[in-house]
Amino acid sequence: MDDDEGARGRRRRATPTKGDRRERAILDAAEQQLAADGYDAMTVATIAQAAGITRGALYFYFGSKNEVLAALVERTVTRLRAEIDGADDGVPPENAVREGIAWTARMWREHGTVMRAAVELSPSVPAVEKLWRSAVVALTDTMRGVAERAGVPAGPGPHDAAAVVAALVWMTERAFYQATATGGSADETAATLTHVWLTTLGLPVDAGSRQGA
């Protein structure tokens, strides 16, 4: 096979299949239903109906409601991780912090229902807990690099970058969860968190960062 044929093959494989589109439609329907009716009201039957397919067809893709939810959480945290990694693309540490929190706020605004469900269901749904914790660990690792570039010492101690950033990441999760669960402002929460992150890491806090992430 020559190079042109190989390229055409790769393009064909990159094109979403009918199955990919069907799975995306199921997840989109599940996210809309989660926002409108809540987790307890969701069933395989209601998700299938919202997606415009039979319950049997849904079982071809997912074995249960919790599998649908786990896939929905995975889709959301994969995007969040990609955005946070992109925020640390060679920019100064203070910019990486601001952009990372801004993207996190955007994800909570746009997909807060899924992210709240992940927090609330992690203790009882192992697949969701594994996905959510792995995302937190990955985000912590990315931001640990930012903290070390900002001058926070690397090491295993309680004042070193790994421990400090882990505390900041879990604080960020809880702050956005509380804001979105109680009708608070994600933008105001982002502004507060930006100030806390920058101050804790010893980075400059200018007027622009105080007004929002």
C-alpha atoms as a PDB file:
ATOM      1  CA  MET A   1       0.000   0.000   0.000  1.00  0.00           C
ATOM      2  CA  ASP A   2       1.434   3.395  -0.984  1.00  0.00           C
ATOM      3  CA  ASP A   3       1.449   6.524   1.184  1.00  0.00           C
ATOM      4  CA  ASP A   4      -1.675   8.002  -0.467  1.00  0.00           C
ATOM      5  CA  GLU A   5      -3.663   4.845   0.182  1.00  0.00           C
ATOM      6  CA  GLY A   6      -2.486   4.792   3.784  1.00  0.00           C
ATOM      7  CA  ALA A   7      -3.534   8.399   4.278  1.00  0.00           C
ATOM      8  CA  ARG A   8      -6.962   7.701   2.797  1.00  0.00           C
ATOM      9  CA  GLY A   9      -7.315   4.733   5.145  1.00  0.00           C
ATOM     10  CA  ARG A  10      -6.432   6.830   8.162  1.00  0.00           C
ATOM     11  CA  ARG A  11      -8.961   9.484   7.117  1.00  0.00           C
ATOM     12  CA  ARG A  12     -11.631   6.847   6.742  1.00  0.00           C
ATOM     13  CA  ARG A  13     -10.928   5.442  10.188  1.00  0.00           C
ATOM     14  CA  ALA A  14     -10.989   8.951  11.696  1.00  0.00           C
ATOM     15  CA  THR A  15     -14.509   9.531  10.368  1.00  0.00           C
ATOM     16  CA  PRO A  16     -17.122   8.756  13.054  1.00  0.00           C
ATOM     17  CA  THR A  17     -18.978   5.536  12.338  1.00  0.00           C
ATOM     18  CA  LYS A  18     -22.711   5.062  12.669  1.00  0.00           C
ATOM     19  CA  GLY A  19     -22.003   3.343  15.977  1.00  0.00           C
ATOM     20  CA  ASP A  20     -19.950   6.321  17.180  1.00  0.00           C
ATOM     21  CA  ARG A  21     -22.759   8.699  16.275  1.00  0.00           C
ATOM     22  CA  ARG A  22     -25.333   6.489  17.987  1.00  0.00           C
ATOM     23  CA  GLU A  23     -23.238   6.305  21.157  1.00  0.00           C
ATOM     24  CA  ARG A  24     -22.790  10.078  21.149  1.00  0.00           C
ATOM     25  CA  ALA A  25     -26.533  10.522  20.737  1.00  0.00           C
ATOM     26  CA  ILE A  26     -27.166   8.244  23.725  1.00  0.00           C
ATOM     27  CA  LEU A  27     -24.740  10.219  25.875  1.00  0.00           C
ATOM     28  CA  ASP A  28     -26.179  13.560  24.746  1.00  0.00           C
ATOM     29  CA  ALA A  29     -29.688  12.339  25.585  1.00  0.00           C
ATOM     30  CA  ALA A  30     -28.538  11.056  28.962  1.00  0.00           C
ATOM     31  CA  GLU A  31     -26.878  14.376  29.828  1.00  0.00           C
ATOM     32  CA  GLN A  32     -30.018  16.303  28.894  1.00  0.00           C
ATOM     33  CA  GLN A  33     -32.183  13.956  30.948  1.00  0.00           C
ATOM     34  CA  LEU A  34     -29.803  14.125  33.891  1.00  0.00           C
ATOM     35  CA  ALA A  35     -30.118  17.922  33.853  1.00  0.00           C
ATOM     36  CA  ALA A  36     -33.902  17.904  33.449  1.00  0.00           C
ATOM     37  CA  ASP A  37     -34.981  15.019  35.669  1.00  0.00           C
ATOM     38  CA  GLY A  38     -32.043  13.971  37.846  1.00  0.00           C
ATOM     39  CA  TYR A  39     -30.212  10.694  38.234  1.00  0.00           C
ATOM     40  CA  ASP A  40     -32.922   8.870  40.201  1.00  0.00           C
ATOM     41  CA  ALA A  41     -35.515   9.416  37.474  1.00  0.00           C
ATOM     42  CA  MET A  42     -33.244   8.048  34.760  1.00  0.00           C
ATOM     43  CA  THR A  43     -33.608   4.460  33.572  1.00  0.00           C
ATOM     44  CA  VAL A  44     -32.326   2.558  30.586  1.00  0.00           C
ATOM     45  CA  ALA A  45     -35.814   2.876  29.103  1.00  0.00           C
ATOM     46  CA  THR A  46     -36.029   6.658  29.554  1.00  0.00           C
ATOM     47  CA  ILE A  47     -32.527   7.183  28.161  1.00  0.00           C
ATOM     48  CA  ALA A  48     -33.348   5.024  25.137  1.00  0.00           C
ATOM     49  CA  GLN A  49     -36.594   6.907  24.566  1.00  0.00           C
ATOM     50  CA  ALA A  50     -34.799  10.269  24.781  1.00  0.00           C
ATOM     51  CA  ALA A  51     -32.191   9.025  22.309  1.00  0.00           C
ATOM     52  CA  GLY A  52     -34.905   7.812  19.910  1.00  0.00           C
ATOM     53  CA  ILE A  53     -33.909   4.144  20.045  1.00  0.00           C
ATOM     54  CA  THR A  54     -35.248   0.966  21.616  1.00  0.00           C
ATOM     55  CA  ARG A  55     -34.071  -0.282  24.976  1.00  0.00           C
ATOM     56  CA  GLY A  56     -32.608  -3.323  23.235  1.00  0.00           C
ATOM     57  CA  ALA A  57     -30.592  -1.094  20.930  1.00  0.00           C
ATOM     58  CA  LEU A  58     -29.200   0.822  23.906  1.00  0.00           C
ATOM     59  CA  TYR A  59     -28.076  -2.448  25.508  1.00  0.00           C
ATOM     60  CA  PHE A  60     -25.890  -2.999  22.449  1.00  0.00           C
ATOM     61  CA  TYR A  61     -23.776  -0.068  23.642  1.00  0.00           C
ATOM     62  CA  PHE A  62     -24.257   0.010  27.411  1.00  0.00           C
ATOM     63  CA  GLY A  63     -25.208  -2.665  29.898  1.00  0.00           C
ATOM     64  CA  SER A  64     -26.870  -0.423  32.475  1.00  0.00           C
ATOM     65  CA  LYS A  65     -27.751   3.114  33.468  1.00  0.00           C
ATOM     66  CA  ASN A  66     -24.537   3.312  35.472  1.00  0.00           C
ATOM     67  CA  GLU A  67     -22.508   2.330  32.417  1.00  0.00           C
ATOM     68  CA  VAL A  68     -24.111   5.198  30.526  1.00  0.00           C
ATOM     69  CA  LEU A  69     -23.271   7.552  33.365  1.00  0.00           C
ATOM     70  CA  ALA A  70     -19.679   6.289  33.565  1.00  0.00           C
ATOM     71  CA  ALA A  71     -19.241   6.897  29.831  1.00  0.00           C
ATOM     72  CA  LEU A  72     -20.730  10.363  30.229  1.00  0.00           C
ATOM     73  CA  VAL A  73     -18.316  11.150  33.067  1.00  0.00           C
ATOM     74  CA  GLU A  74     -15.423   9.789  31.022  1.00  0.00           C
ATOM     75  CA  ARG A  75     -16.320  12.001  28.069  1.00  0.00           C
ATOM     76  CA  THR A  76     -16.516  15.063  30.305  1.00  0.00           C
ATOM     77  CA  VAL A  77     -13.308  14.507  32.264  1.00  0.00           C
ATOM     78  CA  THR A  78     -11.375  13.615  29.108  1.00  0.00           C
ATOM     79  CA  ARG A  79     -12.237  17.014  27.674  1.00  0.00           C
ATOM     80  CA  LEU A  80     -11.422  18.759  30.956  1.00  0.00           C
ATOM     81  CA  ARG A  81      -8.037  17.051  31.174  1.00  0.00           C
ATOM     82  CA  ALA A  82      -7.233  18.008  27.589  1.00  0.00           C
ATOM     83  CA  GLU A  83      -8.123  21.645  28.240  1.00  0.00           C
ATOM     84  CA  ILE A  84      -6.063  21.837  31.434  1.00  0.00           C
ATOM     85  CA  ASP A  85      -3.088  20.217  29.722  1.00  0.00           C
ATOM     86  CA  GLY A  86      -3.463  22.737  26.904  1.00  0.00           C
ATOM     87  CA  ALA A  87      -3.520  25.616  29.388  1.00  0.00           C
ATOM     88  CA  ASP A  88       0.013  24.671  30.465  1.00  0.00           C
ATOM     89  CA  ASP A  89       1.419  24.754  26.949  1.00  0.00           C
ATOM     90  CA  GLY A  90       4.629  26.634  27.662  1.00  0.00           C
ATOM     91  CA  VAL A  91       2.967  29.751  29.084  1.00  0.00           C
ATOM     92  CA  PRO A  92       4.098  31.478  32.303  1.00  0.00           C
ATOM     93  CA  PRO A  93       2.852  29.704  35.451  1.00  0.00           C
ATOM     94  CA  GLU A  94       0.441  32.490  36.405  1.00  0.00           C
ATOM     95  CA  ASN A  95      -1.176  32.305  32.959  1.00  0.00           C
ATOM     96  CA  ALA A  96      -1.446  28.528  33.195  1.00  0.00           C
ATOM     97  CA  VAL A  97      -3.252  28.893  36.522  1.00  0.00           C
ATOM     98  CA  ARG A  98      -5.682  31.510  35.212  1.00  0.00           C
ATOM     99  CA  GLU A  99      -6.421  29.607  32.017  1.00  0.00           C
ATOM    100  CA  GLY A 100      -6.750  26.274  33.822  1.00  0.00           C
ATOM    101  CA  ILE A 101      -9.294  27.644  36.275  1.00  0.00           C
ATOM    102  CA  ALA A 102     -11.125  29.465  33.483  1.00  0.00           C
ATOM    103  CA  TRP A 103     -11.504  26.205  31.565  1.00  0.00           C
ATOM    104  CA  THR A 104     -12.577  24.381  34.710  1.00  0.00           C
ATOM    105  CA  ALA A 105     -15.240  27.029  35.333  1.00  0.00           C
ATOM    106  CA  ARG A 106     -16.442  26.693  31.756  1.00  0.00           C
ATOM    107  CA  MET A 107     -16.758  22.905  32.133  1.00  0.00           C
ATOM    108  CA  TRP A 108     -18.745  23.330  35.358  1.00  0.00           C
ATOM    109  CA  ARG A 109     -21.038  25.841  33.628  1.00  0.00           C
ATOM    110  CA  GLU A 110     -21.600  23.659  30.572  1.00  0.00           C
ATOM    111  CA  HIS A 111     -21.474  20.175  32.123  1.00  0.00           C
ATOM    112  CA  GLY A 112     -22.035  20.832  35.817  1.00  0.00           C
ATOM    113  CA  THR A 113     -24.858  18.306  36.008  1.00  0.00           C
ATOM    114  CA  VAL A 114     -22.517  15.504  34.953  1.00  0.00           C
ATOM    115  CA  MET A 115     -19.712  16.686  37.209  1.00  0.00           C
ATOM    116  CA  ARG A 116     -22.000  16.993  40.237  1.00  0.00           C
ATOM    117  CA  ALA A 117     -23.308  13.499  39.552  1.00  0.00           C
ATOM    118  CA  ALA A 118     -19.720  12.251  39.435  1.00  0.00           C
ATOM    119  CA  VAL A 119     -18.994  13.773  42.848  1.00  0.00           C
ATOM    120  CA  GLU A 120     -22.223  12.502  44.394  1.00  0.00           C
ATOM    121  CA  LEU A 121     -22.155   8.994  42.933  1.00  0.00           C
ATOM    122  CA  SER A 122     -18.449   8.239  43.320  1.00  0.00           C
ATOM    123  CA  PRO A 123     -18.952   6.603  46.744  1.00  0.00           C
ATOM    124  CA  SER A 124     -21.539   4.149  45.368  1.00  0.00           C
ATOM    125  CA  VAL A 125     -20.597   3.611  41.704  1.00  0.00           C
ATOM    126  CA  PRO A 126     -17.027   2.241  41.465  1.00  0.00           C
ATOM    127  CA  ALA A 127     -16.623   2.948  37.742  1.00  0.00           C
ATOM    128  CA  VAL A 128     -17.522   6.610  38.257  1.00  0.00           C
ATOM    129  CA  GLU A 129     -15.270   6.895  41.306  1.00  0.00           C
ATOM    130  CA  LYS A 130     -12.332   5.458  39.366  1.00  0.00           C
ATOM    131  CA  LEU A 131     -12.836   7.854  36.468  1.00  0.00           C
ATOM    132  CA  TRP A 132     -13.314  10.912  38.655  1.00  0.00           C
ATOM    133  CA  ARG A 133     -10.336  10.158  40.876  1.00  0.00           C
ATOM    134  CA  SER A 134      -8.097   9.426  37.894  1.00  0.00           C
ATOM    135  CA  ALA A 135      -9.062  12.804  36.443  1.00  0.00           C
ATOM    136  CA  VAL A 136      -8.235  14.564  39.700  1.00  0.00           C
ATOM    137  CA  VAL A 137      -4.884  12.765  39.871  1.00  0.00           C
ATOM    138  CA  ALA A 138      -4.075  13.725  36.275  1.00  0.00           C
ATOM    139  CA  LEU A 139      -5.027  17.362  36.842  1.00  0.00           C
ATOM    140  CA  THR A 140      -2.959  17.400  40.021  1.00  0.00           C
ATOM    141  CA  ASP A 141       0.044  16.080  38.124  1.00  0.00           C
ATOM    142  CA  THR A 142      -0.276  18.767  35.450  1.00  0.00           C
ATOM    143  CA  MET A 143      -0.658  21.576  37.968  1.00  0.00           C
ATOM    144  CA  ARG A 144       2.174  20.191  40.101  1.00  0.00           C
ATOM    145  CA  GLY A 145       4.435  20.945  37.149  1.00  0.00           C
ATOM    146  CA  VAL A 146       3.070  24.486  37.052  1.00  0.00           C
ATOM    147  CA  ALA A 147       3.724  24.899  40.786  1.00  0.00           C
ATOM    148  CA  GLU A 148       7.277  23.645  40.441  1.00  0.00           C
ATOM    149  CA  ARG A 149       7.910  26.102  37.594  1.00  0.00           C
ATOM    150  CA  ALA A 150       6.567  28.796  39.910  1.00  0.00           C
ATOM    151  CA  GLY A 151       9.245  27.897  42.452  1.00  0.00           C
ATOM    152  CA  VAL A 152       7.374  25.590  44.840  1.00  0.00           C
ATOM    153  CA  PRO A 153       9.844  22.861  45.872  1.00  0.00           C
ATOM    154  CA  ALA A 154       9.454  19.389  44.417  1.00  0.00           C
ATOM    155  CA  GLY A 155       9.361  16.615  46.972  1.00  0.00           C
ATOM    156  CA  PRO A 156       7.163  14.465  49.192  1.00  0.00           C
ATOM    157  CA  GLY A 157       6.757  16.914  52.068  1.00  0.00           C
ATOM    158  CA  PRO A 158       3.536  18.598  53.183  1.00  0.00           C
ATOM    159  CA  HIS A 159       4.765  21.994  51.947  1.00  0.00           C
ATOM    160  CA  ASP A 160       6.054  20.723  48.608  1.00  0.00           C
ATOM    161  CA  ALA A 161       4.356  21.048  45.230  1.00  0.00           C
ATOM    162  CA  ALA A 162       2.619  17.653  45.117  1.00  0.00           C
ATOM    163  CA  ALA A 163       0.861  18.045  48.474  1.00  0.00           C
ATOM    164  CA  VAL A 164       0.050  21.727  48.029  1.00  0.00           C
ATOM    165  CA  VAL A 165      -1.427  21.238  44.558  1.00  0.00           C
ATOM    166  CA  ALA A 166      -3.420  18.163  45.610  1.00  0.00           C
ATOM    167  CA  ALA A 167      -5.062  20.243  48.335  1.00  0.00           C
ATOM    168  CA  LEU A 168      -5.759  23.074  45.876  1.00  0.00           C
ATOM    169  CA  VAL A 169      -7.274  20.735  43.271  1.00  0.00           C
ATOM    170  CA  TRP A 170      -9.633  19.085  45.776  1.00  0.00           C
ATOM    171  CA  MET A 171     -10.558  22.523  47.135  1.00  0.00           C
ATOM    172  CA  THR A 172     -11.316  23.646  43.565  1.00  0.00           C
ATOM    173  CA  GLU A 173     -13.556  20.636  42.968  1.00  0.00           C
ATOM    174  CA  ARG A 174     -15.517  21.269  46.154  1.00  0.00           C
ATOM    175  CA  ALA A 175     -15.843  25.018  45.572  1.00  0.00           C
ATOM    176  CA  PHE A 176     -17.264  24.594  42.062  1.00  0.00           C
ATOM    177  CA  TYR A 177     -19.502  21.763  43.226  1.00  0.00           C
ATOM    178  CA  GLN A 178     -20.991  23.905  45.981  1.00  0.00           C
ATOM    179  CA  ALA A 179     -21.393  26.918  43.694  1.00  0.00           C
ATOM    180  CA  THR A 180     -23.229  25.025  40.968  1.00  0.00           C
ATOM    181  CA  ALA A 181     -25.283  22.915  43.389  1.00  0.00           C
ATOM    182  CA  THR A 182     -26.579  25.958  45.276  1.00  0.00           C
ATOM    183  CA  GLY A 183     -27.111  28.327  42.348  1.00  0.00           C
ATOM    184  CA  GLY A 184     -23.944  30.293  42.975  1.00  0.00           C
ATOM    185  CA  SER A 185     -21.802  31.978  40.344  1.00  0.00           C
ATOM    186  CA  ALA A 186     -19.141  29.867  38.656  1.00  0.00           C
ATOM    187  CA  ASP A 187     -17.430  33.078  37.527  1.00  0.00           C
ATOM    188  CA  GLU A 188     -17.210  34.502  41.043  1.00  0.00           C
ATOM    189  CA  THR A 189     -15.986  31.147  42.325  1.00  0.00           C
ATOM    190  CA  ALA A 190     -13.359  31.099  39.583  1.00  0.00           C
ATOM    191  CA  ALA A 191     -12.191  34.587  40.572  1.00  0.00           C
ATOM    192  CA  THR A 192     -11.799  33.544  44.203  1.00  0.00           C
ATOM    193  CA  LEU A 193     -10.025  30.319  43.277  1.00  0.00           C
ATOM    194  CA  THR A 194      -7.679  32.134  40.918  1.00  0.00           C
ATOM    195  CA  HIS A 195      -6.691  34.483  43.733  1.00  0.00           C
ATOM    196  CA  VAL A 196      -6.137  31.590  46.149  1.00  0.00           C
ATOM    197  CA  TRP A 197      -4.076  29.571  43.669  1.00  0.00           C
ATOM    198  CA  LEU A 198      -1.876  32.504  42.659  1.00  0.00           C
ATOM    199  CA  THR A 199      -1.335  33.629  46.241  1.00  0.00           C
ATOM    200  CA  THR A 200      -0.553  30.125  47.485  1.00  0.00           C
ATOM    201  CA  LEU A 201       1.947  29.497  44.689  1.00  0.00           C
ATOM    202  CA  GLY A 202       3.580  32.897  45.179  1.00  0.00           C
ATOM    203  CA  LEU A 203       2.564  34.160  41.751  1.00  0.00           C
ATOM    204  CA  PRO A 204       1.580  37.735  40.847  1.00  0.00           C
ATOM    205  CA  VAL A 205      -2.058  38.648  41.389  1.00  0.00           C
ATOM    206  CA  ASP A 206      -2.918  41.623  39.183  1.00  0.00           C
ATOM    207  CA  ALA A 207      -6.161  43.537  38.773  1.00  0.00           C
ATOM    208  CA  GLY A 208      -7.266  41.423  35.800  1.00  0.00           C
ATOM    209  CA  SER A 209      -6.963  38.157  37.693  1.00  0.00           C
ATOM    210  CA  ARG A 210      -8.879  39.586  40.654  1.00  0.00           C
ATOM    211  CA  GLN A 211     -11.854  40.377  38.451  1.00  0.00           C
ATOM    212  CA  GLY A 212     -12.254  36.923  36.993  1.00  0.00           C
ATOM    213  CA  ALA A 213     -10.562  33.818  35.701  1.00  0.00           C
END
